[in-house]
Amino acid sequence: LVFTTELIVSELVTNAIRYGGAPVGLRLIRDQRLI
């Protein structure tokens, strides 16, 4: 899942920085799915 998740995180973090501002938080949760 590394490649796909890196791509997802890159897109979401870029959007957060560009449109939301700081601070930006990231959290990964391993449950029945990867969140």
PDB file of all heavy atoms in Angstrom:
ATOM      1  N   LEU A   1       0.804  -1.225   0.000  1.00  0.00           N
ATOM      2  CA  LEU A   1       0.000   0.000   0.000  1.00  0.00           C
ATOM      3  C   LEU A   1       0.839   1.277   0.000  1.00  0.00           C
ATOM      4  O   LEU A   1       0.283   2.375  -0.036  1.00  0.00           O
ATOM      5  CB  LEU A   1      -0.924   0.014   1.232  1.00  0.00           C
ATOM      6  CG  LEU A   1      -2.026  -1.040   1.262  1.00  0.00           C
ATOM      7  CD1 LEU A   1      -2.810  -0.949   2.561  1.00  0.00           C
ATOM      8  CD2 LEU A   1      -2.946  -0.882   0.065  1.00  0.00           C
ATOM      9  N   VAL A   2       2.156   1.137   0.051  1.00  0.00           N
ATOM     10  CA  VAL A   2       3.017   2.313   0.208  1.00  0.00           C
ATOM     11  C   VAL A   2       2.847   3.300  -0.946  1.00  0.00           C
ATOM     12  O   VAL A   2       2.584   4.484  -0.728  1.00  0.00           O
ATOM     13  CB  VAL A   2       4.499   1.915   0.386  1.00  0.00           C
ATOM     14  CG1 VAL A   2       5.413   3.131   0.266  1.00  0.00           C
ATOM     15  CG2 VAL A   2       4.715   1.238   1.730  1.00  0.00           C
ATOM     16  N   PHE A   3       2.999   2.858  -2.171  1.00  0.00           N
ATOM     17  CA  PHE A   3       2.952   3.783  -3.306  1.00  0.00           C
ATOM     18  C   PHE A   3       1.615   4.526  -3.372  1.00  0.00           C
ATOM     19  O   PHE A   3       1.580   5.755  -3.488  1.00  0.00           O
ATOM     20  CB  PHE A   3       3.218   3.046  -4.627  1.00  0.00           C
ATOM     21  CG  PHE A   3       3.143   3.943  -5.827  1.00  0.00           C
ATOM     22  CD1 PHE A   3       4.191   4.795  -6.138  1.00  0.00           C
ATOM     23  CD2 PHE A   3       2.015   3.960  -6.636  1.00  0.00           C
ATOM     24  CE1 PHE A   3       4.123   5.646  -7.236  1.00  0.00           C
ATOM     25  CE2 PHE A   3       1.935   4.802  -7.728  1.00  0.00           C
ATOM     26  CZ  PHE A   3       2.994   5.643  -8.029  1.00  0.00           C
ATOM     27  N   THR A   4       0.533   3.788  -3.304  1.00  0.00           N
ATOM     28  CA  THR A   4      -0.797   4.404  -3.399  1.00  0.00           C
ATOM     29  C   THR A   4      -1.045   5.363  -2.243  1.00  0.00           C
ATOM     30  O   THR A   4      -1.543   6.474  -2.438  1.00  0.00           O
ATOM     31  CB  THR A   4      -1.888   3.313  -3.416  1.00  0.00           C
ATOM     32  OG1 THR A   4      -1.633   2.435  -4.510  1.00  0.00           O
ATOM     33  CG2 THR A   4      -3.269   3.910  -3.557  1.00  0.00           C
ATOM     34  N   THR A   5      -0.686   4.942  -1.039  1.00  0.00           N
ATOM     35  CA  THR A   5      -0.927   5.788   0.131  1.00  0.00           C
ATOM     36  C   THR A   5      -0.056   7.040   0.099  1.00  0.00           C
ATOM     37  O   THR A   5      -0.520   8.126   0.467  1.00  0.00           O
ATOM     38  CB  THR A   5      -0.702   4.994   1.427  1.00  0.00           C
ATOM     39  OG1 THR A   5      -1.491   3.801   1.371  1.00  0.00           O
ATOM     40  CG2 THR A   5      -1.102   5.803   2.648  1.00  0.00           C
ATOM     41  N   GLU A   6       1.181   6.922  -0.358  1.00  0.00           N
ATOM     42  CA  GLU A   6       2.021   8.108  -0.515  1.00  0.00           C
ATOM     43  C   GLU A   6       1.380   9.101  -1.490  1.00  0.00           C
ATOM     44  O   GLU A   6       1.389  10.315  -1.238  1.00  0.00           O
ATOM     45  CB  GLU A   6       3.410   7.728  -1.034  1.00  0.00           C
ATOM     46  CG  GLU A   6       4.332   7.149  -0.016  1.00  0.00           C
ATOM     47  CD  GLU A   6       5.685   6.793  -0.610  1.00  0.00           C
ATOM     48  OE1 GLU A   6       5.756   6.474  -1.822  1.00  0.00           O
ATOM     49  OE2 GLU A   6       6.667   6.841   0.140  1.00  0.00           O
ATOM     50  N   LEU A   7       0.827   8.603  -2.559  1.00  0.00           N
ATOM     51  CA  LEU A   7       0.168   9.461  -3.537  1.00  0.00           C
ATOM     52  C   LEU A   7      -1.059  10.145  -2.927  1.00  0.00           C
ATOM     53  O   LEU A   7      -1.254  11.355  -3.081  1.00  0.00           O
ATOM     54  CB  LEU A   7      -0.221   8.650  -4.779  1.00  0.00           C
ATOM     55  CG  LEU A   7      -0.812   9.410  -5.949  1.00  0.00           C
ATOM     56  CD1 LEU A   7       0.106  10.533  -6.402  1.00  0.00           C
ATOM     57  CD2 LEU A   7      -1.069   8.453  -7.096  1.00  0.00           C
ATOM     58  N   ILE A   8      -1.865   9.384  -2.222  1.00  0.00           N
ATOM     59  CA  ILE A   8      -3.056   9.933  -1.558  1.00  0.00           C
ATOM     60  C   ILE A   8      -2.655  11.012  -0.562  1.00  0.00           C
ATOM     61  O   ILE A   8      -3.218  12.112  -0.550  1.00  0.00           O
ATOM     62  CB  ILE A   8      -3.855   8.800  -0.871  1.00  0.00           C
ATOM     63  CG1 ILE A   8      -4.484   7.882  -1.918  1.00  0.00           C
ATOM     64  CG2 ILE A   8      -4.916   9.383   0.072  1.00  0.00           C
ATOM     65  CD1 ILE A   8      -4.974   6.564  -1.355  1.00  0.00           C
ATOM     66  N   VAL A   9      -1.684  10.696   0.283  1.00  0.00           N
ATOM     67  CA  VAL A   9      -1.230  11.654   1.297  1.00  0.00           C
ATOM     68  C   VAL A   9      -0.676  12.910   0.629  1.00  0.00           C
ATOM     69  O   VAL A   9      -0.962  14.030   1.066  1.00  0.00           O
ATOM     70  CB  VAL A   9      -0.192  11.005   2.239  1.00  0.00           C
ATOM     71  CG1 VAL A   9       0.550  12.045   3.064  1.00  0.00           C
ATOM     72  CG2 VAL A   9      -0.877  10.004   3.150  1.00  0.00           C
ATOM     73  N   SER A  10       0.100  12.747  -0.423  1.00  0.00           N
ATOM     74  CA  SER A  10       0.656  13.909  -1.124  1.00  0.00           C
ATOM     75  C   SER A  10      -0.444  14.833  -1.625  1.00  0.00           C
ATOM     76  O   SER A  10      -0.364  16.055  -1.471  1.00  0.00           O
ATOM     77  CB  SER A  10       1.523  13.464  -2.302  1.00  0.00           C
ATOM     78  OG  SER A  10       2.689  12.870  -1.853  1.00  0.00           O
ATOM     79  N   GLU A  11      -1.468  14.258  -2.228  1.00  0.00           N
ATOM     80  CA  GLU A  11      -2.570  15.070  -2.744  1.00  0.00           C
ATOM     81  C   GLU A  11      -3.319  15.782  -1.621  1.00  0.00           C
ATOM     82  O   GLU A  11      -3.598  16.976  -1.711  1.00  0.00           O
ATOM     83  CB  GLU A  11      -3.544  14.203  -3.552  1.00  0.00           C
ATOM     84  CG  GLU A  11      -2.987  13.692  -4.856  1.00  0.00           C
ATOM     85  CD  GLU A  11      -2.667  14.792  -5.846  1.00  0.00           C
ATOM     86  OE1 GLU A  11      -3.265  15.889  -5.776  1.00  0.00           O
ATOM     87  OE2 GLU A  11      -1.791  14.571  -6.692  1.00  0.00           O
ATOM     88  N   LEU A  12      -3.639  15.043  -0.564  1.00  0.00           N
ATOM     89  CA  LEU A  12      -4.418  15.637   0.521  1.00  0.00           C
ATOM     90  C   LEU A  12      -3.630  16.676   1.303  1.00  0.00           C
ATOM     91  O   LEU A  12      -4.165  17.728   1.673  1.00  0.00           O
ATOM     92  CB  LEU A  12      -4.932  14.540   1.456  1.00  0.00           C
ATOM     93  CG  LEU A  12      -5.942  13.566   0.841  1.00  0.00           C
ATOM     94  CD1 LEU A  12      -6.378  12.545   1.882  1.00  0.00           C
ATOM     95  CD2 LEU A  12      -7.141  14.302   0.262  1.00  0.00           C
ATOM     96  N   VAL A  13      -2.365  16.401   1.566  1.00  0.00           N
ATOM     97  CA  VAL A  13      -1.540  17.363   2.304  1.00  0.00           C
ATOM     98  C   VAL A  13      -1.299  18.612   1.459  1.00  0.00           C
ATOM     99  O   VAL A  13      -1.369  19.737   1.968  1.00  0.00           O
ATOM    100  CB  VAL A  13      -0.217  16.718   2.767  1.00  0.00           C
ATOM    101  CG1 VAL A  13       0.760  17.767   3.281  1.00  0.00           C
ATOM    102  CG2 VAL A  13      -0.492  15.691   3.861  1.00  0.00           C
ATOM    103  N   THR A  14      -1.055  18.434   0.165  1.00  0.00           N
ATOM    104  CA  THR A  14      -0.876  19.587  -0.714  1.00  0.00           C
ATOM    105  C   THR A  14      -2.117  20.462  -0.710  1.00  0.00           C
ATOM    106  O   THR A  14      -2.030  21.686  -0.593  1.00  0.00           O
ATOM    107  CB  THR A  14      -0.543  19.132  -2.150  1.00  0.00           C
ATOM    108  OG1 THR A  14       0.688  18.410  -2.115  1.00  0.00           O
ATOM    109  CG2 THR A  14      -0.420  20.316  -3.095  1.00  0.00           C
ATOM    110  N   ASN A  15      -3.291  19.841  -0.815  1.00  0.00           N
ATOM    111  CA  ASN A  15      -4.545  20.610  -0.763  1.00  0.00           C
ATOM    112  C   ASN A  15      -4.707  21.313   0.574  1.00  0.00           C
ATOM    113  O   ASN A  15      -5.146  22.466   0.628  1.00  0.00           O
ATOM    114  CB  ASN A  15      -5.745  19.702  -1.020  1.00  0.00           C
ATOM    115  CG  ASN A  15      -5.912  19.348  -2.473  1.00  0.00           C
ATOM    116  OD1 ASN A  15      -5.221  19.877  -3.336  1.00  0.00           O
ATOM    117  ND2 ASN A  15      -6.814  18.439  -2.749  1.00  0.00           N
ATOM    118  N   ALA A  16      -4.374  20.626   1.658  1.00  0.00           N
ATOM    119  CA  ALA A  16      -4.502  21.225   2.993  1.00  0.00           C
ATOM    120  C   ALA A  16      -3.598  22.448   3.126  1.00  0.00           C
ATOM    121  O   ALA A  16      -4.022  23.486   3.636  1.00  0.00           O
ATOM    122  CB  ALA A  16      -4.178  20.189   4.065  1.00  0.00           C
ATOM    123  N   ILE A  17      -2.370  22.339   2.666  1.00  0.00           N
ATOM    124  CA  ILE A  17      -1.440  23.465   2.744  1.00  0.00           C
ATOM    125  C   ILE A  17      -1.905  24.601   1.839  1.00  0.00           C
ATOM    126  O   ILE A  17      -1.913  25.766   2.243  1.00  0.00           O
ATOM    127  CB  ILE A  17      -0.018  23.014   2.362  1.00  0.00           C
ATOM    128  CG1 ILE A  17       0.545  22.081   3.440  1.00  0.00           C
ATOM    129  CG2 ILE A  17       0.906  24.221   2.161  1.00  0.00           C
ATOM    130  CD1 ILE A  17       1.810  21.359   3.038  1.00  0.00           C
ATOM    131  N   ARG A  18      -2.320  24.250   0.642  1.00  0.00           N
ATOM    132  CA  ARG A  18      -2.698  25.273  -0.343  1.00  0.00           C
ATOM    133  C   ARG A  18      -3.993  26.005   0.018  1.00  0.00           C
ATOM    134  O   ARG A  18      -4.095  27.215  -0.122  1.00  0.00           O
ATOM    135  CB  ARG A  18      -2.842  24.624  -1.709  1.00  0.00           C
ATOM    136  CG  ARG A  18      -3.092  25.596  -2.811  1.00  0.00           C
ATOM    137  CD  ARG A  18      -3.025  24.915  -4.144  1.00  0.00           C
ATOM    138  NE  ARG A  18      -3.118  25.912  -5.200  1.00  0.00           N
ATOM    139  CZ  ARG A  18      -3.032  25.642  -6.466  1.00  0.00           C
ATOM    140  NH1 ARG A  18      -2.846  24.409  -6.865  1.00  0.00           N
ATOM    141  NH2 ARG A  18      -3.130  26.591  -7.366  1.00  0.00           N
ATOM    142  N   TYR A  19      -4.982  25.249   0.487  1.00  0.00           N
ATOM    143  CA  TYR A  19      -6.302  25.849   0.713  1.00  0.00           C
ATOM    144  C   TYR A  19      -6.686  25.991   2.179  1.00  0.00           C
ATOM    145  O   TYR A  19      -7.591  26.748   2.501  1.00  0.00           O
ATOM    146  CB  TYR A  19      -7.381  25.019   0.002  1.00  0.00           C
ATOM    147  CG  TYR A  19      -7.139  24.908  -1.478  1.00  0.00           C
ATOM    148  CD1 TYR A  19      -6.770  23.694  -2.045  1.00  0.00           C
ATOM    149  CD2 TYR A  19      -7.257  26.015  -2.304  1.00  0.00           C
ATOM    150  CE1 TYR A  19      -6.538  23.582  -3.412  1.00  0.00           C
ATOM    151  CE2 TYR A  19      -7.027  25.915  -3.669  1.00  0.00           C
ATOM    152  CZ  TYR A  19      -6.668  24.700  -4.211  1.00  0.00           C
ATOM    153  OH  TYR A  19      -6.434  24.597  -5.558  1.00  0.00           O
ATOM    154  N   GLY A  20      -6.026  25.268   3.070  1.00  0.00           N
ATOM    155  CA  GLY A  20      -6.431  25.287   4.468  1.00  0.00           C
ATOM    156  C   GLY A  20      -5.483  26.012   5.389  1.00  0.00           C
ATOM    157  O   GLY A  20      -5.890  26.595   6.376  1.00  0.00           O
ATOM    158  N   GLY A  21      -4.203  25.980   5.080  1.00  0.00           N
ATOM    159  CA  GLY A  21      -3.211  26.622   5.929  1.00  0.00           C
ATOM    160  C   GLY A  21      -2.700  25.706   7.024  1.00  0.00           C
ATOM    161  O   GLY A  21      -3.094  24.555   7.139  1.00  0.00           O
ATOM    162  N   ALA A  22      -1.822  26.263   7.816  1.00  0.00           N
ATOM    163  CA  ALA A  22      -1.199  25.497   8.905  1.00  0.00           C
ATOM    164  C   ALA A  22      -2.008  25.667  10.187  1.00  0.00           C
ATOM    165  O   ALA A  22      -2.712  26.659  10.346  1.00  0.00           O
ATOM    166  CB  ALA A  22       0.233  25.979   9.105  1.00  0.00           C
ATOM    167  N   PRO A  23      -1.927  24.717  11.072  1.00  0.00           N
ATOM    168  CA  PRO A  23      -1.174  23.468  10.987  1.00  0.00           C
ATOM    169  C   PRO A  23      -1.945  22.390  10.222  1.00  0.00           C
ATOM    170  O   PRO A  23      -3.169  22.394  10.187  1.00  0.00           O
ATOM    171  CB  PRO A  23      -1.001  23.049  12.449  1.00  0.00           C
ATOM    172  CG  PRO A  23      -2.223  23.585  13.123  1.00  0.00           C
ATOM    173  CD  PRO A  23      -2.560  24.875  12.392  1.00  0.00           C
ATOM    174  N   VAL A  24      -1.184  21.491   9.627  1.00  0.00           N
ATOM    175  CA  VAL A  24      -1.749  20.346   8.915  1.00  0.00           C
ATOM    176  C   VAL A  24      -1.393  19.099   9.705  1.00  0.00           C
ATOM    177  O   VAL A  24      -0.247  18.925  10.105  1.00  0.00           O
ATOM    178  CB  VAL A  24      -1.187  20.247   7.481  1.00  0.00           C
ATOM    179  CG1 VAL A  24      -1.646  18.974   6.799  1.00  0.00           C
ATOM    180  CG2 VAL A  24      -1.602  21.473   6.673  1.00  0.00           C
ATOM    181  N   GLY A  25      -2.383  18.254   9.936  1.00  0.00           N
ATOM    182  CA  GLY A  25      -2.159  17.009  10.668  1.00  0.00           C
ATOM    183  C   GLY A  25      -2.374  15.811   9.772  1.00  0.00           C
ATOM    184  O   GLY A  25      -3.186  15.850   8.845  1.00  0.00           O
ATOM    185  N   LEU A  26      -1.626  14.745  10.049  1.00  0.00           N
ATOM    186  CA  LEU A  26      -1.759  13.492   9.316  1.00  0.00           C
ATOM    187  C   LEU A  26      -1.867  12.364  10.323  1.00  0.00           C
ATOM    188  O   LEU A  26      -1.098  12.313  11.287  1.00  0.00           O
ATOM    189  CB  LEU A  26      -0.547  13.266   8.413  1.00  0.00           C
ATOM    190  CG  LEU A  26      -0.427  11.879   7.762  1.00  0.00           C
ATOM    191  CD1 LEU A  26      -1.581  11.622   6.801  1.00  0.00           C
ATOM    192  CD2 LEU A  26       0.912  11.735   7.065  1.00  0.00           C
ATOM    193  N   ARG A  27      -2.820  11.477  10.091  1.00  0.00           N
ATOM    194  CA  ARG A  27      -2.974  10.321  10.965  1.00  0.00           C
ATOM    195  C   ARG A  27      -3.299   9.101  10.122  1.00  0.00           C
ATOM    196  O   ARG A  27      -4.161   9.164   9.239  1.00  0.00           O
ATOM    197  CB  ARG A  27      -4.095  10.582  11.967  1.00  0.00           C
ATOM    198  CG  ARG A  27      -4.234   9.516  13.010  1.00  0.00           C
ATOM    199  CD  ARG A  27      -5.073   9.995  14.168  1.00  0.00           C
ATOM    200  NE  ARG A  27      -6.485   9.965  13.829  1.00  0.00           N
ATOM    201  CZ  ARG A  27      -7.458   9.732  14.706  1.00  0.00           C
ATOM    202  NH1 ARG A  27      -7.173   9.557  15.974  1.00  0.00           N
ATOM    203  NH2 ARG A  27      -8.707   9.710  14.325  1.00  0.00           N
ATOM    204  N   LEU A  28      -2.591   8.004  10.361  1.00  0.00           N
ATOM    205  CA  LEU A  28      -2.871   6.719   9.721  1.00  0.00           C
ATOM    206  C   LEU A  28      -3.421   5.786  10.793  1.00  0.00           C
ATOM    207  O   LEU A  28      -2.864   5.692  11.879  1.00  0.00           O
ATOM    208  CB  LEU A  28      -1.610   6.103   9.129  1.00  0.00           C
ATOM    209  CG  LEU A  28      -0.969   6.840   7.963  1.00  0.00           C
ATOM    210  CD1 LEU A  28       0.321   6.145   7.562  1.00  0.00           C
ATOM    211  CD2 LEU A  28      -1.914   6.914   6.786  1.00  0.00           C
ATOM    212  N   ILE A  29      -4.491   5.087  10.446  1.00  0.00           N
ATOM    213  CA  ILE A  29      -5.123   4.157  11.382  1.00  0.00           C
ATOM    214  C   ILE A  29      -5.261   2.813  10.689  1.00  0.00           C
ATOM    215  O   ILE A  29      -5.846   2.725   9.598  1.00  0.00           O
ATOM    216  CB  ILE A  29      -6.521   4.663  11.806  1.00  0.00           C
ATOM    217  CG1 ILE A  29      -6.403   6.052  12.434  1.00  0.00           C
ATOM    218  CG2 ILE A  29      -7.194   3.669  12.749  1.00  0.00           C
ATOM    219  CD1 ILE A  29      -7.726   6.770  12.575  1.00  0.00           C
ATOM    220  N   ARG A  30      -4.715   1.788  11.308  1.00  0.00           N
ATOM    221  CA  ARG A  30      -4.861   0.424  10.771  1.00  0.00           C
ATOM    222  C   ARG A  30      -5.976  -0.241  11.542  1.00  0.00           C
ATOM    223  O   ARG A  30      -5.865  -0.509  12.731  1.00  0.00           O
ATOM    224  CB  ARG A  30      -3.560  -0.352  10.932  1.00  0.00           C
ATOM    225  CG  ARG A  30      -3.677  -1.737  10.358  1.00  0.00           C
ATOM    226  CD  ARG A  30      -2.413  -2.508  10.559  1.00  0.00           C
ATOM    227  NE  ARG A  30      -2.576  -3.840   9.993  1.00  0.00           N
ATOM    228  CZ  ARG A  30      -1.703  -4.791  10.136  1.00  0.00           C
ATOM    229  NH1 ARG A  30      -0.598  -4.582  10.827  1.00  0.00           N
ATOM    230  NH2 ARG A  30      -1.921  -5.967   9.602  1.00  0.00           N
ATOM    231  N   ASP A  31      -7.068  -0.491  10.861  1.00  0.00           N
ATOM    232  CA  ASP A  31      -8.230  -1.136  11.458  1.00  0.00           C
ATOM    233  C   ASP A  31      -8.650  -2.225  10.476  1.00  0.00           C
ATOM    234  O   ASP A  31      -7.800  -2.891   9.915  1.00  0.00           O
ATOM    235  CB  ASP A  31      -9.321  -0.086  11.696  1.00  0.00           C
ATOM    236  CG  ASP A  31     -10.413  -0.551  12.642  1.00  0.00           C
ATOM    237  OD1 ASP A  31     -10.180  -1.486  13.420  1.00  0.00           O
ATOM    238  OD2 ASP A  31     -11.512   0.034  12.589  1.00  0.00           O
ATOM    239  N   GLN A  32      -9.935  -2.386  10.217  1.00  0.00           N
ATOM    240  CA  GLN A  32     -10.370  -3.333   9.203  1.00  0.00           C
ATOM    241  C   GLN A  32      -9.980  -2.850   7.817  1.00  0.00           C
ATOM    242  O   GLN A  32      -9.921  -3.624   6.875  1.00  0.00           O
ATOM    243  CB  GLN A  32     -11.874  -3.556   9.300  1.00  0.00           C
ATOM    244  CG  GLN A  32     -12.253  -4.234  10.597  1.00  0.00           C
ATOM    245  CD  GLN A  32     -13.751  -4.348  10.756  1.00  0.00           C
ATOM    246  OE1 GLN A  32     -14.525  -3.797   9.972  1.00  0.00           O
ATOM    247  NE2 GLN A  32     -14.171  -5.065  11.784  1.00  0.00           N
ATOM    248  N   ARG A  33      -9.734  -1.559   7.698  1.00  0.00           N
ATOM    249  CA  ARG A  33      -9.195  -0.931   6.498  1.00  0.00           C
ATOM    250  C   ARG A  33      -8.105   0.029   6.939  1.00  0.00           C
ATOM    251  O   ARG A  33      -7.998   0.357   8.110  1.00  0.00           O
ATOM    252  CB  ARG A  33     -10.287  -0.157   5.759  1.00  0.00           C
ATOM    253  CG  ARG A  33     -11.337  -1.047   5.150  1.00  0.00           C
ATOM    254  CD  ARG A  33     -12.160  -0.282   4.125  1.00  0.00           C
ATOM    255  NE  ARG A  33     -12.956  -1.188   3.352  1.00  0.00           N
ATOM    256  CZ  ARG A  33     -14.255  -1.385   3.550  1.00  0.00           C
ATOM    257  NH1 ARG A  33     -14.889  -0.718   4.472  1.00  0.00           N
ATOM    258  NH2 ARG A  33     -14.912  -2.236   2.790  1.00  0.00           N
ATOM    259  N   LEU A  34      -7.308   0.502   5.978  1.00  0.00           N
ATOM    260  CA  LEU A  34      -6.334   1.540   6.281  1.00  0.00           C
ATOM    261  C   LEU A  34      -7.042   2.879   6.146  1.00  0.00           C
ATOM    262  O   LEU A  34      -7.604   3.191   5.091  1.00  0.00           O
ATOM    263  CB  LEU A  34      -5.148   1.479   5.316  1.00  0.00           C
ATOM    264  CG  LEU A  34      -4.113   2.597   5.496  1.00  0.00           C
ATOM    265  CD1 LEU A  34      -3.447   2.499   6.870  1.00  0.00           C
ATOM    266  CD2 LEU A  34      -3.087   2.548   4.383  1.00  0.00           C
ATOM    267  N   ILE A  35      -7.034   3.641   7.208  1.00  0.00           N
ATOM    268  CA  ILE A  35      -7.678   4.950   7.216  1.00  0.00           C
ATOM    269  C   ILE A  35      -6.579   6.008   7.259  1.00  0.00           C
ATOM    270  O   ILE A  35      -5.658   5.926   8.075  1.00  0.00           O
ATOM    271  CB  ILE A  35      -8.618   5.099   8.429  1.00  0.00           C
ATOM    272  CG1 ILE A  35      -9.698   4.029   8.367  1.00  0.00           C
ATOM    273  CG2 ILE A  35      -9.215   6.512   8.467  1.00  0.00           C
ATOM    274  CD1 ILE A  35     -10.502   3.884   9.637  1.00  0.00           C
TER     275      ILE A  35
END
